[in-house]
Every structure is written in C-alpha cells, then in structure tokens.
Amino acid sequence: MQAITTLVCPLCEHEYEEERKLRRHLMKRHLKSDIVAALIDEDGPSTRGY
C-alpha cells in the first residue's frame, strides 16, 4: 500500500498531491510574496526563466 503525500501551501493551505502542482500554484497565486521569492531564489536562476 502506497502512502499519499499531501503538500500544503504555507500561505493559503490549499493541498496538492504533487510538488509541481504546488510550485505552479505558488508561482500563480503568491509570486509577490517574500516567502515565495526566497524559495525561488534557493532553486537558482533556472526557475525564473533567464
């Protein structure tokens, strides 16, 4: 039996089953948030598209 991991948005508490869906949600809904900007910076410049 496989456990289902649920990822929760720390800003609005929406739940997602896949990390890529959570990341897409963060980019669309919370891009102007300082927290999200810091998370994107941690991943390096490739996620910003330049």
PDB file of N, CA and C in Angstrom:
ATOM      1  N   MET A   1       0.843  -1.194   0.000  1.00  0.00           N
ATOM      2  CA  MET A   1       0.000   0.000   0.000  1.00  0.00           C
ATOM      3  C   MET A   1       0.883   1.250   0.000  1.00  0.00           C
ATOM      4  N   GLN A   2       0.579   2.175  -0.874  1.00  0.00           N
ATOM      5  CA  GLN A   2       1.391   3.377  -1.000  1.00  0.00           C
ATOM      6  C   GLN A   2       0.738   4.544  -0.265  1.00  0.00           C
ATOM      7  N   ALA A   3       1.536   5.224   0.541  1.00  0.00           N
ATOM      8  CA  ALA A   3       1.020   6.387   1.261  1.00  0.00           C
ATOM      9  C   ALA A   3       0.916   7.570   0.298  1.00  0.00           C
ATOM     10  N   ILE A   4      -0.147   8.327   0.436  1.00  0.00           N
ATOM     11  CA  ILE A   4      -0.314   9.521  -0.385  1.00  0.00           C
ATOM     12  C   ILE A   4       0.229  10.706   0.406  1.00  0.00           C
ATOM     13  N   THR A   5       1.206  11.374  -0.180  1.00  0.00           N
ATOM     14  CA  THR A   5       1.785  12.542   0.474  1.00  0.00           C
ATOM     15  C   THR A   5       1.018  13.767   0.013  1.00  0.00           C
ATOM     16  N   THR A   6       0.594  14.558   0.950  1.00  0.00           N
ATOM     17  CA  THR A   6      -0.116  15.790   0.613  1.00  0.00           C
ATOM     18  C   THR A   6       0.776  16.970   0.948  1.00  0.00           C
ATOM     19  N   LEU A   7       0.969  17.844  -0.020  1.00  0.00           N
ATOM     20  CA  LEU A   7       1.739  19.068   0.187  1.00  0.00           C
ATOM     21  C   LEU A   7       0.745  20.198   0.404  1.00  0.00           C
ATOM     22  N   VAL A   8       1.016  21.024   1.404  1.00  0.00           N
ATOM     23  CA  VAL A   8       0.097  22.106   1.741  1.00  0.00           C
ATOM     24  C   VAL A   8       0.778  23.444   1.513  1.00  0.00           C
ATOM     25  N   CYS A   9       0.091  24.331   0.829  1.00  0.00           N
ATOM     26  CA  CYS A   9       0.614  25.679   0.627  1.00  0.00           C
ATOM     27  C   CYS A   9       0.698  26.378   1.980  1.00  0.00           C
ATOM     28  N   PRO A  10       1.876  26.883   2.345  1.00  0.00           N
ATOM     29  CA  PRO A  10       2.033  27.526   3.650  1.00  0.00           C
ATOM     30  C   PRO A  10       1.301  28.864   3.759  1.00  0.00           C
ATOM     31  N   LEU A  11       0.877  29.413   2.634  1.00  0.00           N
ATOM     32  CA  LEU A  11       0.261  30.732   2.650  1.00  0.00           C
ATOM     33  C   LEU A  11      -1.261  30.706   2.651  1.00  0.00           C
ATOM     34  N   CYS A  12      -1.843  29.699   1.995  1.00  0.00           N
ATOM     35  CA  CYS A  12      -3.308  29.669   1.923  1.00  0.00           C
ATOM     36  C   CYS A  12      -3.886  28.299   2.264  1.00  0.00           C
ATOM     37  N   GLU A  13      -3.010  27.333   2.529  1.00  0.00           N
ATOM     38  CA  GLU A  13      -3.404  26.000   2.979  1.00  0.00           C
ATOM     39  C   GLU A  13      -4.171  25.163   1.956  1.00  0.00           C
ATOM     40  N   HIS A  14      -4.015  25.474   0.674  1.00  0.00           N
ATOM     41  CA  HIS A  14      -4.507  24.563  -0.359  1.00  0.00           C
ATOM     42  C   HIS A  14      -3.650  23.312  -0.322  1.00  0.00           C
ATOM     43  N   GLU A  15      -4.237  22.172  -0.633  1.00  0.00           N
ATOM     44  CA  GLU A  15      -3.499  20.910  -0.603  1.00  0.00           C
ATOM     45  C   GLU A  15      -3.246  20.395  -2.022  1.00  0.00           C
ATOM     46  N   TYR A  16      -2.063  19.848  -2.220  1.00  0.00           N
ATOM     47  CA  TYR A  16      -1.675  19.302  -3.520  1.00  0.00           C
ATOM     48  C   TYR A  16      -1.015  17.954  -3.319  1.00  0.00           C
ATOM     49  N   GLU A  17      -1.203  17.054  -4.286  1.00  0.00           N
ATOM     50  CA  GLU A  17      -0.599  15.724  -4.202  1.00  0.00           C
ATOM     51  C   GLU A  17       0.747  15.661  -4.906  1.00  0.00           C
ATOM     52  N   GLU A  18       1.066  16.663  -5.731  1.00  0.00           N
ATOM     53  CA  GLU A  18       2.336  16.671  -6.458  1.00  0.00           C
ATOM     54  C   GLU A  18       3.050  17.988  -6.231  1.00  0.00           C
ATOM     55  N   GLU A  19       4.375  17.895  -6.084  1.00  0.00           N
ATOM     56  CA  GLU A  19       5.169  19.096  -5.831  1.00  0.00           C
ATOM     57  C   GLU A  19       5.065  20.093  -6.976  1.00  0.00           C
ATOM     58  N   ARG A  20       5.045  19.577  -8.219  1.00  0.00           N
ATOM     59  CA  ARG A  20       4.989  20.510  -9.347  1.00  0.00           C
ATOM     60  C   ARG A  20       3.687  21.314  -9.356  1.00  0.00           C
ATOM     61  N   LYS A  21       2.597  20.711  -8.886  1.00  0.00           N
ATOM     62  CA  LYS A  21       1.328  21.442  -8.826  1.00  0.00           C
ATOM     63  C   LYS A  21       1.389  22.520  -7.748  1.00  0.00           C
ATOM     64  N   LEU A  22       2.009  22.197  -6.620  1.00  0.00           N
ATOM     65  CA  LEU A  22       2.171  23.192  -5.568  1.00  0.00           C
ATOM     66  C   LEU A  22       3.047  24.339  -6.057  1.00  0.00           C
ATOM     67  N   ARG A  23       4.142  24.019  -6.742  1.00  0.00           N
ATOM     68  CA  ARG A  23       5.028  25.068  -7.267  1.00  0.00           C
ATOM     69  C   ARG A  23       4.286  25.961  -8.258  1.00  0.00           C
ATOM     70  N   ARG A  24       3.478  25.358  -9.145  1.00  0.00           N
ATOM     71  CA  ARG A  24       2.714  26.141 -10.119  1.00  0.00           C
ATOM     72  C   ARG A  24       1.748  27.071  -9.389  1.00  0.00           C
ATOM     73  N   HIS A  25       1.098  26.544  -8.362  1.00  0.00           N
ATOM     74  CA  HIS A  25       0.173  27.350  -7.569  1.00  0.00           C
ATOM     75  C   HIS A  25       0.901  28.530  -6.920  1.00  0.00           C
ATOM     76  N   LEU A  26       2.082  28.273  -6.342  1.00  0.00           N
ATOM     77  CA  LEU A  26       2.852  29.348  -5.707  1.00  0.00           C
ATOM     78  C   LEU A  26       3.223  30.419  -6.722  1.00  0.00           C
ATOM     79  N   MET A  27       3.631  29.995  -7.915  1.00  0.00           N
ATOM     80  CA  MET A  27       4.024  30.956  -8.943  1.00  0.00           C
ATOM     81  C   MET A  27       2.835  31.813  -9.379  1.00  0.00           C
ATOM     82  N   LYS A  28       1.659  31.192  -9.482  1.00  0.00           N
ATOM     83  CA  LYS A  28       0.500  31.935  -9.964  1.00  0.00           C
ATOM     84  C   LYS A  28      -0.136  32.803  -8.881  1.00  0.00           C
ATOM     85  N   ARG A  29      -0.265  32.261  -7.670  1.00  0.00           N
ATOM     86  CA  ARG A  29      -1.034  32.938  -6.631  1.00  0.00           C
ATOM     87  C   ARG A  29      -0.211  33.816  -5.697  1.00  0.00           C
ATOM     88  N   HIS A  30       1.022  33.404  -5.445  1.00  0.00           N
ATOM     89  CA  HIS A  30       1.778  34.065  -4.378  1.00  0.00           C
ATOM     90  C   HIS A  30       3.134  34.598  -4.833  1.00  0.00           C
ATOM     91  N   LEU A  31       3.283  34.870  -6.119  1.00  0.00           N
ATOM     92  CA  LEU A  31       4.578  35.260  -6.650  1.00  0.00           C
ATOM     93  C   LEU A  31       5.115  36.531  -5.994  1.00  0.00           C
ATOM     94  N   LYS A  32       4.225  37.420  -5.583  1.00  0.00           N
ATOM     95  CA  LYS A  32       4.681  38.665  -4.981  1.00  0.00           C
ATOM     96  C   LYS A  32       5.051  38.521  -3.503  1.00  0.00           C
ATOM     97  N   SER A  33       4.809  37.360  -2.942  1.00  0.00           N
ATOM     98  CA  SER A  33       5.143  37.114  -1.543  1.00  0.00           C
ATOM     99  C   SER A  33       6.654  36.968  -1.357  1.00  0.00           C
ATOM    100  N   ASP A  34       7.195  37.545  -0.288  1.00  0.00           N
ATOM    101  CA  ASP A  34       8.625  37.435   0.011  1.00  0.00           C
ATOM    102  C   ASP A  34       9.037  35.988   0.212  1.00  0.00           C
ATOM    103  N   ILE A  35       8.165  35.191   0.822  1.00  0.00           N
ATOM    104  CA  ILE A  35       8.485  33.787   1.089  1.00  0.00           C
ATOM    105  C   ILE A  35       8.693  33.040  -0.224  1.00  0.00           C
ATOM    106  N   VAL A  36       7.799  33.243  -1.165  1.00  0.00           N
ATOM    107  CA  VAL A  36       7.892  32.542  -2.442  1.00  0.00           C
ATOM    108  C   VAL A  36       9.120  33.016  -3.208  1.00  0.00           C
ATOM    109  N   ALA A  37       9.402  34.304  -3.185  1.00  0.00           N
ATOM    110  CA  ALA A  37      10.593  34.824  -3.858  1.00  0.00           C
ATOM    111  C   ALA A  37      11.853  34.169  -3.294  1.00  0.00           C
ATOM    112  N   ALA A  38      11.901  33.971  -1.984  1.00  0.00           N
ATOM    113  CA  ALA A  38      13.054  33.322  -1.353  1.00  0.00           C
ATOM    114  C   ALA A  38      13.157  31.860  -1.791  1.00  0.00           C
ATOM    115  N   LEU A  39      12.023  31.165  -1.880  1.00  0.00           N
ATOM    116  CA  LEU A  39      12.038  29.766  -2.312  1.00  0.00           C
ATOM    117  C   LEU A  39      12.538  29.644  -3.748  1.00  0.00           C
ATOM    118  N   ILE A  40      12.108  30.564  -4.596  1.00  0.00           N
ATOM    119  CA  ILE A  40      12.529  30.527  -5.997  1.00  0.00           C
ATOM    120  C   ILE A  40      14.025  30.800  -6.083  1.00  0.00           C
ATOM    121  N   ASP A  41      14.520  31.740  -5.295  1.00  0.00           N
ATOM    122  CA  ASP A  41      15.946  32.058  -5.303  1.00  0.00           C
ATOM    123  C   ASP A  41      16.788  30.862  -4.866  1.00  0.00           C
ATOM    124  N   GLU A  42      16.287  30.074  -3.930  1.00  0.00           N
ATOM    125  CA  GLU A  42      17.013  28.890  -3.476  1.00  0.00           C
ATOM    126  C   GLU A  42      17.225  27.898  -4.611  1.00  0.00           C
ATOM    127  N   ASP A  43      16.273  27.808  -5.506  1.00  0.00           N
ATOM    128  CA  ASP A  43      16.352  26.852  -6.602  1.00  0.00           C
ATOM    129  C   ASP A  43      17.325  27.289  -7.685  1.00  0.00           C
ATOM    130  N   GLY A  44      17.736  28.536  -7.659  1.00  0.00           N
ATOM    131  CA  GLY A  44      18.659  29.042  -8.671  1.00  0.00           C
ATOM    132  C   GLY A  44      17.926  29.771  -9.778  1.00  0.00           C
ATOM    133  N   PRO A  45      18.674  30.440 -10.614  1.00  0.00           N
ATOM    134  CA  PRO A  45      18.074  31.295 -11.650  1.00  0.00           C
ATOM    135  C   PRO A  45      17.309  30.534 -12.730  1.00  0.00           C
ATOM    136  N   SER A  46      17.545  29.234 -12.887  1.00  0.00           N
ATOM    137  CA  SER A  46      16.892  28.494 -13.969  1.00  0.00           C
ATOM    138  C   SER A  46      15.371  28.488 -13.839  1.00  0.00           C
ATOM    139  N   THR A  47      14.844  28.552 -12.618  1.00  0.00           N
ATOM    140  CA  THR A  47      13.392  28.518 -12.447  1.00  0.00           C
ATOM    141  C   THR A  47      12.748  29.858 -12.784  1.00  0.00           C
ATOM    142  N   ARG A  48      13.551  30.904 -12.917  1.00  0.00           N
ATOM    143  CA  ARG A  48      12.995  32.221 -13.248  1.00  0.00           C
ATOM    144  C   ARG A  48      12.927  32.470 -14.749  1.00  0.00           C
ATOM    145  N   GLY A  49      13.541  31.607 -15.532  1.00  0.00           N
ATOM    146  CA  GLY A  49      13.446  31.740 -16.969  1.00  0.00           C
ATOM    147  C   GLY A  49      14.473  32.655 -17.601  1.00  0.00           C
ATOM    148  N   TYR A  50      15.592  32.856 -16.936  1.00  0.00           N
ATOM    149  CA  TYR A  50      16.679  33.622 -17.579  1.00  0.00           C
ATOM    150  C   TYR A  50      18.021  33.035 -17.275  1.00  0.00           C
TER     151      TYR A  50
END
